Amino acid sequence: MLPREGTLVSFTENIGRTLILVDFGQIGKEYLFPHEIESEKGNYN
């Protein structure tokens, strides 16, 4: 199970699918699908 918070690193297209690389700090980096990510609303500067 991954932490609830991470930092978006990059987007990649692979076999017609979008993959998003997220950095979870000490746990490492993991590729996720867009539907697996929930943005934090109202916290943009």
PDB file of N, CA and C in Angstrom:
ATOM      1  N   MET A   1       0.844  -1.178   0.000  1.00  0.00           N
ATOM      2  CA  MET A   1       0.000   0.000   0.000  1.00  0.00           C
ATOM      3  C   MET A   1       0.892   1.245   0.000  1.00  0.00           C
ATOM      4  N   LEU A   2       0.548   2.197  -0.847  1.00  0.00           N
ATOM      5  CA  LEU A   2       1.321   3.423  -0.980  1.00  0.00           C
ATOM      6  C   LEU A   2       0.782   4.514  -0.059  1.00  0.00           C
ATOM      7  N   PRO A   3       1.636   5.487   0.294  1.00  0.00           N
ATOM      8  CA  PRO A   3       1.168   6.615   1.113  1.00  0.00           C
ATOM      9  C   PRO A   3       0.125   7.430   0.359  1.00  0.00           C
ATOM     10  N   ARG A   4      -0.587   8.250   1.083  1.00  0.00           N
ATOM     11  CA  ARG A   4      -1.630   9.078   0.477  1.00  0.00           C
ATOM     12  C   ARG A   4      -1.069  10.309  -0.223  1.00  0.00           C
ATOM     13  N   GLU A   5       0.178  10.698   0.085  1.00  0.00           N
ATOM     14  CA  GLU A   5       0.749  11.894  -0.508  1.00  0.00           C
ATOM     15  C   GLU A   5       2.049  11.583  -1.228  1.00  0.00           C
ATOM     16  N   GLY A   6       2.237  12.241  -2.365  1.00  0.00           N
ATOM     17  CA  GLY A   6       3.452  12.085  -3.140  1.00  0.00           C
ATOM     18  C   GLY A   6       3.625  13.290  -4.044  1.00  0.00           C
ATOM     19  N   THR A   7       4.742  13.316  -4.759  1.00  0.00           N
ATOM     20  CA  THR A   7       5.049  14.414  -5.668  1.00  0.00           C
ATOM     21  C   THR A   7       5.040  13.907  -7.097  1.00  0.00           C
ATOM     22  N   LEU A   8       4.274  14.559  -7.950  1.00  0.00           N
ATOM     23  CA  LEU A   8       4.212  14.192  -9.358  1.00  0.00           C
ATOM     24  C   LEU A   8       5.564  14.483  -9.998  1.00  0.00           C
ATOM     25  N   VAL A   9       6.108  13.492 -10.700  1.00  0.00           N
ATOM     26  CA  VAL A   9       7.414  13.640 -11.342  1.00  0.00           C
ATOM     27  C   VAL A   9       7.266  13.806 -12.846  1.00  0.00           C
ATOM     28  N   SER A  10       6.515  12.914 -13.497  1.00  0.00           N
ATOM     29  CA  SER A  10       6.376  12.997 -14.957  1.00  0.00           C
ATOM     30  C   SER A  10       5.194  12.180 -15.453  1.00  0.00           C
ATOM     31  N   PHE A  11       4.825  12.448 -16.718  1.00  0.00           N
ATOM     32  CA  PHE A  11       3.798  11.692 -17.424  1.00  0.00           C
ATOM     33  C   PHE A  11       4.474  10.896 -18.524  1.00  0.00           C
ATOM     34  N   THR A  12       4.028   9.665 -18.771  1.00  0.00           N
ATOM     35  CA  THR A  12       4.582   8.828 -19.829  1.00  0.00           C
ATOM     36  C   THR A  12       3.431   8.157 -20.570  1.00  0.00           C
ATOM     37  N   GLU A  13       3.567   8.067 -21.884  1.00  0.00           N
ATOM     38  CA  GLU A  13       2.588   7.362 -22.714  1.00  0.00           C
ATOM     39  C   GLU A  13       3.174   5.999 -23.059  1.00  0.00           C
ATOM     40  N   ASN A  14       2.409   4.923 -22.825  1.00  0.00           N
ATOM     41  CA  ASN A  14       2.888   3.575 -23.104  1.00  0.00           C
ATOM     42  C   ASN A  14       1.725   2.713 -23.581  1.00  0.00           C
ATOM     43  N   ILE A  15       1.830   2.197 -24.787  1.00  0.00           N
ATOM     44  CA  ILE A  15       0.800   1.347 -25.387  1.00  0.00           C
ATOM     45  C   ILE A  15      -0.570   2.028 -25.326  1.00  0.00           C
ATOM     46  N   GLY A  16      -0.608   3.325 -25.607  1.00  0.00           N
ATOM     47  CA  GLY A  16      -1.855   4.065 -25.624  1.00  0.00           C
ATOM     48  C   GLY A  16      -2.411   4.413 -24.260  1.00  0.00           C
ATOM     49  N   ARG A  17      -1.635   4.170 -23.205  1.00  0.00           N
ATOM     50  CA  ARG A  17      -2.095   4.493 -21.849  1.00  0.00           C
ATOM     51  C   ARG A  17      -1.175   5.543 -21.236  1.00  0.00           C
ATOM     52  N   THR A  18      -1.728   6.401 -20.413  1.00  0.00           N
ATOM     53  CA  THR A  18      -0.936   7.384 -19.699  1.00  0.00           C
ATOM     54  C   THR A  18      -0.534   6.821 -18.345  1.00  0.00           C
ATOM     55  N   LEU A  19       0.751   6.914 -18.047  1.00  0.00           N
ATOM     56  CA  LEU A  19       1.273   6.507 -16.745  1.00  0.00           C
ATOM     57  C   LEU A  19       1.875   7.738 -16.084  1.00  0.00           C
ATOM     58  N   ILE A  20       1.694   7.863 -14.786  1.00  0.00           N
ATOM     59  CA  ILE A  20       2.194   9.014 -14.048  1.00  0.00           C
ATOM     60  C   ILE A  20       3.183   8.524 -12.998  1.00  0.00           C
ATOM     61  N   LEU A  21       4.406   9.073 -13.058  1.00  0.00           N
ATOM     62  CA  LEU A  21       5.437   8.703 -12.095  1.00  0.00           C
ATOM     63  C   LEU A  21       5.301   9.618 -10.883  1.00  0.00           C
ATOM     64  N   VAL A  22       5.144   8.994  -9.707  1.00  0.00           N
ATOM     65  CA  VAL A  22       4.961   9.732  -8.462  1.00  0.00           C
ATOM     66  C   VAL A  22       6.081   9.350  -7.500  1.00  0.00           C
ATOM     67  N   ASP A  23       6.675  10.370  -6.864  1.00  0.00           N
ATOM     68  CA  ASP A  23       7.733  10.154  -5.881  1.00  0.00           C
ATOM     69  C   ASP A  23       7.117  10.157  -4.485  1.00  0.00           C
ATOM     70  N   PHE A  24       7.266   9.041  -3.781  1.00  0.00           N
ATOM     71  CA  PHE A  24       6.727   8.908  -2.433  1.00  0.00           C
ATOM     72  C   PHE A  24       7.818   9.043  -1.370  1.00  0.00           C
ATOM     73  N   GLY A  25       8.884   9.763  -1.693  1.00  0.00           N
ATOM     74  CA  GLY A  25       9.962  10.020  -0.739  1.00  0.00           C
ATOM     75  C   GLY A  25      10.773   8.777  -0.438  1.00  0.00           C
ATOM     76  N   GLN A  26      10.914   8.434   0.830  1.00  0.00           N
ATOM     77  CA  GLN A  26      11.735   7.302   1.257  1.00  0.00           C
ATOM     78  C   GLN A  26      11.233   5.971   0.715  1.00  0.00           C
ATOM     79  N   ILE A  27       9.960   5.885   0.412  1.00  0.00           N
ATOM     80  CA  ILE A  27       9.387   4.640  -0.107  1.00  0.00           C
ATOM     81  C   ILE A  27       9.822   4.415  -1.551  1.00  0.00           C
ATOM     82  N   GLY A  28      10.058   5.492  -2.294  1.00  0.00           N
ATOM     83  CA  GLY A  28      10.507   5.386  -3.676  1.00  0.00           C
ATOM     84  C   GLY A  28       9.507   5.957  -4.653  1.00  0.00           C
ATOM     85  N   LYS A  29       9.737   5.658  -5.931  1.00  0.00           N
ATOM     86  CA  LYS A  29       8.879   6.154  -7.003  1.00  0.00           C
ATOM     87  C   LYS A  29       8.031   5.007  -7.544  1.00  0.00           C
ATOM     88  N   GLU A  30       6.842   5.350  -7.990  1.00  0.00           N
ATOM     89  CA  GLU A  30       5.906   4.333  -8.488  1.00  0.00           C
ATOM     90  C   GLU A  30       5.103   4.923  -9.642  1.00  0.00           C
ATOM     91  N   TYR A  31       4.870   4.117 -10.689  1.00  0.00           N
ATOM     92  CA  TYR A  31       3.991   4.527 -11.787  1.00  0.00           C
ATOM     93  C   TYR A  31       2.550   4.219 -11.415  1.00  0.00           C
ATOM     94  N   LEU A  32       1.666   5.191 -11.639  1.00  0.00           N
ATOM     95  CA  LEU A  32       0.238   5.031 -11.367  1.00  0.00           C
ATOM     96  C   LEU A  32      -0.558   5.435 -12.602  1.00  0.00           C
ATOM     97  N   PHE A  33      -1.765   4.909 -12.708  1.00  0.00           N
ATOM     98  CA  PHE A  33      -2.693   5.328 -13.756  1.00  0.00           C
ATOM     99  C   PHE A  33      -3.433   6.570 -13.264  1.00  0.00           C
ATOM    100  N   PRO A  34      -3.896   7.428 -14.184  1.00  0.00           N
ATOM    101  CA  PRO A  34      -4.590   8.652 -13.775  1.00  0.00           C
ATOM    102  C   PRO A  34      -5.770   8.410 -12.826  1.00  0.00           C
ATOM    103  N   HIS A  35      -6.514   7.326 -13.026  1.00  0.00           N
ATOM    104  CA  HIS A  35      -7.681   7.084 -12.166  1.00  0.00           C
ATOM    105  C   HIS A  35      -7.269   6.682 -10.737  1.00  0.00           C
ATOM    106  N   GLU A  36      -5.996   6.401 -10.506  1.00  0.00           N
ATOM    107  CA  GLU A  36      -5.509   6.034  -9.177  1.00  0.00           C
ATOM    108  C   GLU A  36      -5.038   7.242  -8.368  1.00  0.00           C
ATOM    109  N   ILE A  37      -5.081   8.427  -8.991  1.00  0.00           N
ATOM    110  CA  ILE A  37      -4.568   9.635  -8.347  1.00  0.00           C
ATOM    111  C   ILE A  37      -5.719  10.582  -8.058  1.00  0.00           C
ATOM    112  N   GLU A  38      -5.710  11.127  -6.872  1.00  0.00           N
ATOM    113  CA  GLU A  38      -6.701  12.116  -6.469  1.00  0.00           C
ATOM    114  C   GLU A  38      -5.962  13.404  -6.141  1.00  0.00           C
ATOM    115  N   SER A  39      -6.304  14.490  -6.810  1.00  0.00           N
ATOM    116  CA  SER A  39      -5.614  15.758  -6.556  1.00  0.00           C
ATOM    117  C   SER A  39      -6.158  16.419  -5.299  1.00  0.00           C
ATOM    118  N   GLU A  40      -5.303  17.172  -4.653  1.00  0.00           N
ATOM    119  CA  GLU A  40      -5.692  17.904  -3.465  1.00  0.00           C
ATOM    120  C   GLU A  40      -6.261  19.233  -3.914  1.00  0.00           C
ATOM    121  N   LYS A  41      -7.522  19.484  -3.666  1.00  0.00           N
ATOM    122  CA  LYS A  41      -8.198  20.691  -4.153  1.00  0.00           C
ATOM    123  C   LYS A  41      -7.922  21.886  -3.254  1.00  0.00           C
ATOM    124  N   GLY A  42      -7.796  23.050  -3.893  1.00  0.00           N
ATOM    125  CA  GLY A  42      -7.635  24.287  -3.143  1.00  0.00           C
ATOM    126  C   GLY A  42      -6.254  24.482  -2.547  1.00  0.00           C
ATOM    127  N   ASN A  43      -5.272  23.734  -3.015  1.00  0.00           N
ATOM    128  CA  ASN A  43      -3.939  23.850  -2.442  1.00  0.00           C
ATOM    129  C   ASN A  43      -2.907  24.189  -3.526  1.00  0.00           C
ATOM    130  N   TYR A  44      -3.314  24.988  -4.509  1.00  0.00           N
ATOM    131  CA  TYR A  44      -2.411  25.368  -5.593  1.00  0.00           C
ATOM    132  C   TYR A  44      -1.961  26.791  -5.398  1.00  0.00           C
ATOM    133  N   ASN A  45      -0.675  27.036  -5.623  1.00  0.00           N
ATOM    134  CA  ASN A  45      -0.141  28.397  -5.465  1.00  0.00           C
ATOM    135  C   ASN A  45       0.170  29.009  -6.794  1.00  0.00           C
TER     136      ASN A  45
END
